[in-house]
PDB file of N, CA and C in Angstrom:
ATOM      1  N   MET A   1      16.526  12.563  24.689  1.00  0.00           N
ATOM      2  CA  MET A   1      17.087  12.043  23.790  1.00  0.00           C
ATOM      3  C   MET A   1      18.752  12.107  24.131  1.00  0.00           C
ATOM      4  N   THR A   2      19.258  10.941  23.996  1.00  0.00           N
ATOM      5  CA  THR A   2      20.656  10.908  24.348  1.00  0.00           C
ATOM      6  C   THR A   2      21.565  10.709  23.190  1.00  0.00           C
ATOM      7  N   GLU A   3      22.662  10.861  23.219  1.00  0.00           N
ATOM      8  CA  GLU A   3      23.612  10.740  21.869  1.00  0.00           C
ATOM      9  C   GLU A   3      24.789   9.701  22.314  1.00  0.00           C
ATOM     10  N   LYS A   4      25.120   8.934  21.413  1.00  0.00           N
ATOM     11  CA  LYS A   4      26.293   7.836  21.658  1.00  0.00           C
ATOM     12  C   LYS A   4      27.119   8.077  20.379  1.00  0.00           C
ATOM     13  N   ALA A   5      28.423   7.591  20.521  1.00  0.00           N
ATOM     14  CA  ALA A   5      29.584   7.742  19.479  1.00  0.00           C
ATOM     15  C   ALA A   5      28.866   7.237  18.284  1.00  0.00           C
ATOM     16  N   ASP A   6      28.082   6.151  18.282  1.00  0.00           N
ATOM     17  CA  ASP A   6      27.839   5.452  17.065  1.00  0.00           C
ATOM     18  C   ASP A   6      26.382   6.225  16.273  1.00  0.00           C
ATOM     19  N   GLY A   7      25.836   7.076  16.864  1.00  0.00           N
ATOM     20  CA  GLY A   7      24.773   7.786  16.317  1.00  0.00           C
ATOM     21  C   GLY A   7      23.786   8.114  17.259  1.00  0.00           C
ATOM     22  N   LYS A   8      22.636   8.499  16.966  1.00  0.00           N
ATOM     23  CA  LYS A   8      21.703   9.130  17.990  1.00  0.00           C
ATOM     24  C   LYS A   8      20.696   8.027  18.525  1.00  0.00           C
ATOM     25  N   THR A   9      20.442   8.115  19.575  1.00  0.00           N
ATOM     26  CA  THR A   9      19.418   7.220  20.325  1.00  0.00           C
ATOM     27  C   THR A   9      18.365   7.905  21.030  1.00  0.00           C
ATOM     28  N   VAL A  10      17.249   7.302  21.179  1.00  0.00           N
ATOM     29  CA  VAL A  10      16.209   7.668  21.996  1.00  0.00           C
ATOM     30  C   VAL A  10      15.617   6.767  23.136  1.00  0.00           C
ATOM     31  N   LYS A  11      15.317   7.045  24.156  1.00  0.00           N
ATOM     32  CA  LYS A  11      14.895   6.214  25.167  1.00  0.00           C
ATOM     33  C   LYS A  11      13.311   6.282  25.475  1.00  0.00           C
ATOM     34  N   VAL A  12      12.774   5.202  25.314  1.00  0.00           N
ATOM     35  CA  VAL A  12      11.320   5.290  25.149  1.00  0.00           C
ATOM     36  C   VAL A  12      10.755   4.210  26.565  1.00  0.00           C
ATOM     37  N   THR A  13       9.863   4.756  27.228  1.00  0.00           N
ATOM     38  CA  THR A  13       9.409   4.225  28.554  1.00  0.00           C
ATOM     39  C   THR A  13       7.852   3.874  28.256  1.00  0.00           C
ATOM     40  N   LEU A  14       7.181   2.896  28.745  1.00  0.00           N
ATOM     41  CA  LEU A  14       5.957   2.606  28.621  1.00  0.00           C
ATOM     42  C   LEU A  14       5.363   3.059  29.935  1.00  0.00           C
ATOM     43  N   VAL A  15       4.331   3.848  29.891  1.00  0.00           N
ATOM     44  CA  VAL A  15       3.874   4.712  31.035  1.00  0.00           C
ATOM     45  C   VAL A  15       2.422   4.518  31.171  1.00  0.00           C
ATOM     46  N   ARG A  16       1.705   3.920  30.225  1.00  0.00           N
ATOM     47  CA  ARG A  16       0.239   3.605  30.333  1.00  0.00           C
ATOM     48  C   ARG A  16       0.082   2.247  29.847  1.00  0.00           C
ATOM     49  N   SER A  17      -0.941   1.538  30.207  1.00  0.00           N
ATOM     50  CA  SER A  17      -1.297   0.062  29.880  1.00  0.00           C
ATOM     51  C   SER A  17      -1.871   0.073  28.382  1.00  0.00           C
ATOM     52  N   VAL A  18      -1.572  -1.107  27.930  1.00  0.00           N
ATOM     53  CA  VAL A  18      -1.997  -1.081  26.752  1.00  0.00           C
ATOM     54  C   VAL A  18      -3.351  -2.015  26.740  1.00  0.00           C
ATOM     55  N   ALA A  19      -3.999  -2.304  27.844  1.00  0.00           N
ATOM     56  CA  ALA A  19      -5.133  -2.820  28.011  1.00  0.00           C
ATOM     57  C   ALA A  19      -6.317  -1.927  27.563  1.00  0.00           C
ATOM     58  N   GLY A  20      -7.106  -2.507  26.489  1.00  0.00           N
ATOM     59  CA  GLY A  20      -8.189  -1.720  26.039  1.00  0.00           C
ATOM     60  C   GLY A  20      -7.828  -0.885  24.654  1.00  0.00           C
ATOM     61  N   THR A  21      -6.735  -1.043  24.315  1.00  0.00           N
ATOM     62  CA  THR A  21      -6.125  -0.073  23.322  1.00  0.00           C
ATOM     63  C   THR A  21      -6.177  -1.086  21.869  1.00  0.00           C
ATOM     64  N   LYS A  22      -6.194  -0.654  20.615  1.00  0.00           N
ATOM     65  CA  LYS A  22      -6.162  -1.288  19.465  1.00  0.00           C
ATOM     66  C   LYS A  22      -5.058  -2.195  19.375  1.00  0.00           C
ATOM     67  N   MET A  23      -5.433  -3.423  18.577  1.00  0.00           N
ATOM     68  CA  MET A  23      -4.378  -4.393  18.626  1.00  0.00           C
ATOM     69  C   MET A  23      -3.095  -4.059  17.977  1.00  0.00           C
ATOM     70  N   ASP A  24      -3.485  -3.137  16.687  1.00  0.00           N
ATOM     71  CA  ASP A  24      -2.177  -2.689  16.016  1.00  0.00           C
ATOM     72  C   ASP A  24      -1.337  -1.821  16.880  1.00  0.00           C
ATOM     73  N   HIS A  25      -2.078  -0.904  18.095  1.00  0.00           N
ATOM     74  CA  HIS A  25      -1.221  -0.284  18.721  1.00  0.00           C
ATOM     75  C   HIS A  25      -0.405  -1.130  19.821  1.00  0.00           C
ATOM     76  N   ARG A  26      -1.076  -2.314  20.246  1.00  0.00           N
ATOM     77  CA  ARG A  26      -0.379  -3.262  21.104  1.00  0.00           C
ATOM     78  C   ARG A  26       0.838  -3.948  20.337  1.00  0.00           C
ATOM     79  N   ALA A  27       0.672  -4.274  19.160  1.00  0.00           N
ATOM     80  CA  ALA A  27       1.861  -4.723  18.243  1.00  0.00           C
ATOM     81  C   ALA A  27       2.856  -3.713  18.084  1.00  0.00           C
ATOM     82  N   THR A  28       2.507  -2.441  17.924  1.00  0.00           N
ATOM     83  CA  THR A  28       3.532  -1.545  17.924  1.00  0.00           C
ATOM     84  C   THR A  28       4.474  -1.260  19.185  1.00  0.00           C
ATOM     85  N   VAL A  29       3.749  -1.352  20.406  1.00  0.00           N
ATOM     86  CA  VAL A  29       4.537  -1.185  21.571  1.00  0.00           C
ATOM     87  C   VAL A  29       5.253  -2.502  21.862  1.00  0.00           C
ATOM     88  N   ARG A  30       4.827  -3.528  21.225  1.00  0.00           N
ATOM     89  CA  ARG A  30       5.733  -4.789  21.582  1.00  0.00           C
ATOM     90  C   ARG A  30       7.003  -4.739  20.399  1.00  0.00           C
ATOM     91  N   GLY A  31       6.601  -4.111  19.212  1.00  0.00           N
ATOM     92  CA  GLY A  31       7.545  -3.799  18.343  1.00  0.00           C
ATOM     93  C   GLY A  31       8.750  -2.904  18.726  1.00  0.00           C
ATOM     94  N   LEU A  32       8.409  -2.057  19.666  1.00  0.00           N
ATOM     95  CA  LEU A  32       9.429  -1.166  20.317  1.00  0.00           C
ATOM     96  C   LEU A  32      10.138  -1.857  21.241  1.00  0.00           C
ATOM     97  N   GLY A  33       9.820  -2.976  21.761  1.00  0.00           N
ATOM     98  CA  GLY A  33      10.541  -3.770  22.580  1.00  0.00           C
ATOM     99  C   GLY A  33       9.992  -3.444  24.073  1.00  0.00           C
ATOM    100  N   LEU A  34       8.758  -3.061  24.310  1.00  0.00           N
ATOM    101  CA  LEU A  34       8.161  -2.832  25.495  1.00  0.00           C
ATOM    102  C   LEU A  34       7.182  -3.913  25.796  1.00  0.00           C
ATOM    103  N   GLY A  35       7.352  -4.388  27.120  1.00  0.00           N
ATOM    104  CA  GLY A  35       6.568  -5.279  27.510  1.00  0.00           C
ATOM    105  C   GLY A  35       5.604  -4.800  28.684  1.00  0.00           C
ATOM    106  N   ARG A  36       6.076  -4.834  29.803  1.00  0.00           N
ATOM    107  CA  ARG A  36       5.381  -4.407  31.048  1.00  0.00           C
ATOM    108  C   ARG A  36       5.577  -3.060  31.244  1.00  0.00           C
ATOM    109  N   LEU A  37       4.560  -2.569  32.030  1.00  0.00           N
ATOM    110  CA  LEU A  37       4.378  -0.971  32.529  1.00  0.00           C
ATOM    111  C   LEU A  37       5.875  -0.652  33.035  1.00  0.00           C
ATOM    112  N   ASN A  38       6.312   0.674  32.855  1.00  0.00           N
ATOM    113  CA  ASN A  38       7.361   1.183  33.075  1.00  0.00           C
ATOM    114  C   ASN A  38       8.567   0.691  32.499  1.00  0.00           C
ATOM    115  N   SER A  39       8.572  -0.168  31.621  1.00  0.00           N
ATOM    116  CA  SER A  39       9.593  -0.913  30.911  1.00  0.00           C
ATOM    117  C   SER A  39      10.222   0.169  29.939  1.00  0.00           C
ATOM    118  N   SER A  40      11.672   0.154  29.774  1.00  0.00           N
ATOM    119  CA  SER A  40      12.235   1.143  28.908  1.00  0.00           C
ATOM    120  C   SER A  40      13.266   0.314  27.969  1.00  0.00           C
ATOM    121  N   ARG A  41      13.341   1.256  26.767  1.00  0.00           N
ATOM    122  CA  ARG A  41      14.555   0.544  25.609  1.00  0.00           C
ATOM    123  C   ARG A  41      15.106   1.906  25.319  1.00  0.00           C
ATOM    124  N   VAL A  42      16.399   1.670  24.874  1.00  0.00           N
ATOM    125  CA  VAL A  42      17.043   2.665  24.265  1.00  0.00           C
ATOM    126  C   VAL A  42      17.211   2.336  22.669  1.00  0.00           C
ATOM    127  N   LEU A  43      16.599   2.970  21.978  1.00  0.00           N
ATOM    128  CA  LEU A  43      16.561   2.619  20.378  1.00  0.00           C
ATOM    129  C   LEU A  43      17.215   3.597  19.600  1.00  0.00           C
ATOM    130  N   GLU A  44      17.440   3.239  18.254  1.00  0.00           N
ATOM    131  CA  GLU A  44      18.125   4.052  17.294  1.00  0.00           C
ATOM    132  C   GLU A  44      17.159   5.109  16.944  1.00  0.00           C
ATOM    133  N   ASP A  45      17.633   6.429  16.884  1.00  0.00           N
ATOM    134  CA  ASP A  45      16.596   7.346  16.356  1.00  0.00           C
ATOM    135  C   ASP A  45      16.379   7.471  14.920  1.00  0.00           C
ATOM    136  N   THR A  46      15.611   6.521  14.299  1.00  0.00           N
ATOM    137  CA  THR A  46      15.477   6.413  12.864  1.00  0.00           C
ATOM    138  C   THR A  46      13.962   7.036  12.528  1.00  0.00           C
ATOM    139  N   PRO A  47      13.697   7.224  11.286  1.00  0.00           N
ATOM    140  CA  PRO A  47      12.345   7.640  11.118  1.00  0.00           C
ATOM    141  C   PRO A  47      11.292   6.311  11.406  1.00  0.00           C
ATOM    142  N   ALA A  48      11.572   5.326  11.211  1.00  0.00           N
ATOM    143  CA  ALA A  48      10.775   4.278  11.442  1.00  0.00           C
ATOM    144  C   ALA A  48      10.308   4.226  12.848  1.00  0.00           C
ATOM    145  N   VAL A  49      11.277   4.204  13.908  1.00  0.00           N
ATOM    146  CA  VAL A  49      11.206   4.372  15.429  1.00  0.00           C
ATOM    147  C   VAL A  49      10.391   5.634  15.801  1.00  0.00           C
ATOM    148  N   ARG A  50      10.573   6.731  15.152  1.00  0.00           N
ATOM    149  CA  ARG A  50       9.889   7.973  15.269  1.00  0.00           C
ATOM    150  C   ARG A  50       8.402   7.870  14.887  1.00  0.00           C
ATOM    151  N   GLY A  51       8.167   7.202  13.840  1.00  0.00           N
ATOM    152  CA  GLY A  51       6.791   6.909  13.519  1.00  0.00           C
ATOM    153  C   GLY A  51       5.954   5.821  14.406  1.00  0.00           C
ATOM    154  N   MET A  52       6.809   4.891  14.966  1.00  0.00           N
ATOM    155  CA  MET A  52       6.301   4.014  16.008  1.00  0.00           C
ATOM    156  C   MET A  52       5.686   4.843  17.089  1.00  0.00           C
ATOM    157  N   ILE A  53       6.745   5.575  17.500  1.00  0.00           N
ATOM    158  CA  ILE A  53       6.469   6.271  18.845  1.00  0.00           C
ATOM    159  C   ILE A  53       5.347   7.320  18.576  1.00  0.00           C
ATOM    160  N   ASN A  54       5.452   7.984  17.569  1.00  0.00           N
ATOM    161  CA  ASN A  54       4.055   8.994  17.286  1.00  0.00           C
ATOM    162  C   ASN A  54       2.802   8.116  17.241  1.00  0.00           C
ATOM    163  N   LYS A  55       2.767   6.937  16.894  1.00  0.00           N
ATOM    164  CA  LYS A  55       1.471   6.204  16.769  1.00  0.00           C
ATOM    165  C   LYS A  55       1.006   5.848  18.141  1.00  0.00           C
ATOM    166  N   VAL A  56       2.004   5.488  19.049  1.00  0.00           N
ATOM    167  CA  VAL A  56       1.416   5.194  20.368  1.00  0.00           C
ATOM    168  C   VAL A  56       1.968   6.119  21.438  1.00  0.00           C
ATOM    169  N   SER A  57       1.897   7.447  21.015  1.00  0.00           N
ATOM    170  CA  SER A  57       2.473   8.547  21.793  1.00  0.00           C
ATOM    171  C   SER A  57       1.679   8.798  22.980  1.00  0.00           C
ATOM    172  N   TYR A  58       0.436   8.319  23.184  1.00  0.00           N
ATOM    173  CA  TYR A  58      -0.268   8.411  24.292  1.00  0.00           C
ATOM    174  C   TYR A  58      -0.169   7.530  25.436  1.00  0.00           C
ATOM    175  N   LEU A  59       0.920   6.585  25.039  1.00  0.00           N
ATOM    176  CA  LEU A  59       1.110   5.237  25.933  1.00  0.00           C
ATOM    177  C   LEU A  59       2.603   5.336  26.437  1.00  0.00           C
ATOM    178  N   VAL A  60       3.402   6.132  25.780  1.00  0.00           N
ATOM    179  CA  VAL A  60       4.816   6.099  26.112  1.00  0.00           C
ATOM    180  C   VAL A  60       5.348   7.413  26.421  1.00  0.00           C
ATOM    181  N   LYS A  61       6.639   7.401  27.151  1.00  0.00           N
ATOM    182  CA  LYS A  61       7.231   8.688  27.253  1.00  0.00           C
ATOM    183  C   LYS A  61       8.643   8.709  26.758  1.00  0.00           C
ATOM    184  N   VAL A  62       9.123   9.724  26.024  1.00  0.00           N
ATOM    185  CA  VAL A  62      10.352   9.723  25.403  1.00  0.00           C
ATOM    186  C   VAL A  62      11.292  10.742  26.218  1.00  0.00           C
ATOM    187  N   GLY A  63      12.298  10.184  26.768  1.00  0.00           N
ATOM    188  CA  GLY A  63      13.392  11.015  27.202  1.00  0.00           C
ATOM    189  C   GLY A  63      14.605  10.431  27.529  1.00  0.00           C
TER     190      GLY A  63
END
């Protein structure tokens, strides 16, 4: 987790393939802005984003 002047952020990386996962988990990964394997996004650390990360925690790495 990193910190910016305008608030806290969190970096999320897709480390496992979404192939064979539930459709709502795939949609959650897309909602986080992740497409391909090893793609990363820096997102605001909000309760909504944290909930999405928890839902697909077996597919992503936070750091």
